[in-house]
Structure formats: C-alpha cells, structure tokens
Protein backbone atom coordinates (compact mmCIF):
# COMPACT_ATOMS: atom_id res chain seq x y z
CA MET A 1 0.19 5.75 -5.14
CA SER A 2 1.52 6.24 -1.68
CA ILE A 3 0.07 6.46 1.81
CA SER A 4 0.83 9.40 4.07
CA VAL A 5 0.97 9.53 7.85
CA ASP A 6 -2.23 11.61 7.68
CA ASP A 7 -3.93 8.80 5.75
CA VAL A 8 -2.93 6.28 8.42
CA ARG A 9 -4.02 8.67 11.16
CA TYR A 10 -7.41 9.13 9.44
CA VAL A 11 -8.02 5.38 9.11
CA ALA A 12 -6.97 4.85 12.72
CA LYS A 13 -9.45 7.51 13.81
CA LEU A 14 -12.24 5.88 11.77
CA SER A 15 -11.34 2.56 13.39
CA MET A 16 -11.29 4.20 16.82
CA LEU A 17 -7.65 3.19 17.31
CA GLU A 18 -5.00 5.30 18.97
CA PHE A 19 -1.32 5.12 18.07
CA GLU A 20 1.80 6.97 19.04
CA GLU A 21 3.45 9.09 16.35
CA ASP A 22 6.31 6.61 15.89
CA GLU A 23 3.78 3.81 15.35
CA LEU A 24 1.97 5.88 12.72
CA ILE A 25 5.27 6.44 10.91
CA GLN A 26 6.09 2.72 11.03
CA PHE A 27 2.62 1.75 9.77
CA THR A 28 2.97 4.25 6.94
CA LYS A 29 6.26 2.69 5.86
CA GLU A 30 4.78 -0.80 6.03
CA PHE A 31 1.64 0.15 4.09
CA ASN A 32 3.75 1.76 1.38
CA LYS A 33 5.86 -1.39 1.08
CA ILE A 34 2.68 -3.45 0.69
CA ILE A 35 1.36 -1.09 -1.98
CA GLU A 36 4.69 -1.24 -3.82
CA TYR A 37 4.58 -5.04 -3.76
CA VAL A 38 0.98 -5.12 -5.05
CA ASP A 39 1.97 -2.73 -7.86
CA GLN A 40 4.79 -5.10 -8.82
CA LEU A 41 2.38 -8.03 -8.87
CA MET A 42 -0.07 -6.10 -11.03
CA THR A 43 2.69 -5.21 -13.48
CA LEU A 44 3.82 -8.81 -13.66
CA THR A 45 0.25 -10.03 -14.17
CA SER A 46 -0.27 -7.51 -16.97
CA ARG A 47 2.93 -8.63 -18.70
CA ILE A 48 1.93 -12.27 -18.47
CA LEU A 49 -1.56 -11.58 -19.80
CA ASN A 50 -0.21 -9.47 -22.64
CA HIS A 51 2.20 -12.24 -23.57
CA CYS A 52 -0.63 -14.79 -23.61
CA ILE A 53 -2.95 -12.59 -25.67
CA ILE A 54 -0.33 -11.10 -28.02
CA PRO A 55 2.44 -13.68 -28.51
C-alpha cells in the first residue's frame, strides 16, 4: 500500500488545511515511510506469532 500526493491533498482538504505543493510531496514521502515501517512491524509480529503457535 502506498499513499499518493492526491491522497494527501484529499485528506488535507477534508481537514480544511492548505499546503504548498512541496509540502504535499514531503508529507507523502513521510506517510509512505510510516506505512512501510508499520508493514515491517506487522510482518515481524506475524512471524513471532507463527513461531509461538507452530514451533
């Protein structure tokens, strides 16, 4: 899963926030890094749980 600049723009609009284009690009990069990190944590958690359930 990844976030696009349009996604960030849409959420900003819903939140009634205004950002410059360069800020939208930076937020998009940061959100994608966060999502990547959460995906890694989920993978790790799954591996740990699988190891505990199926030794």
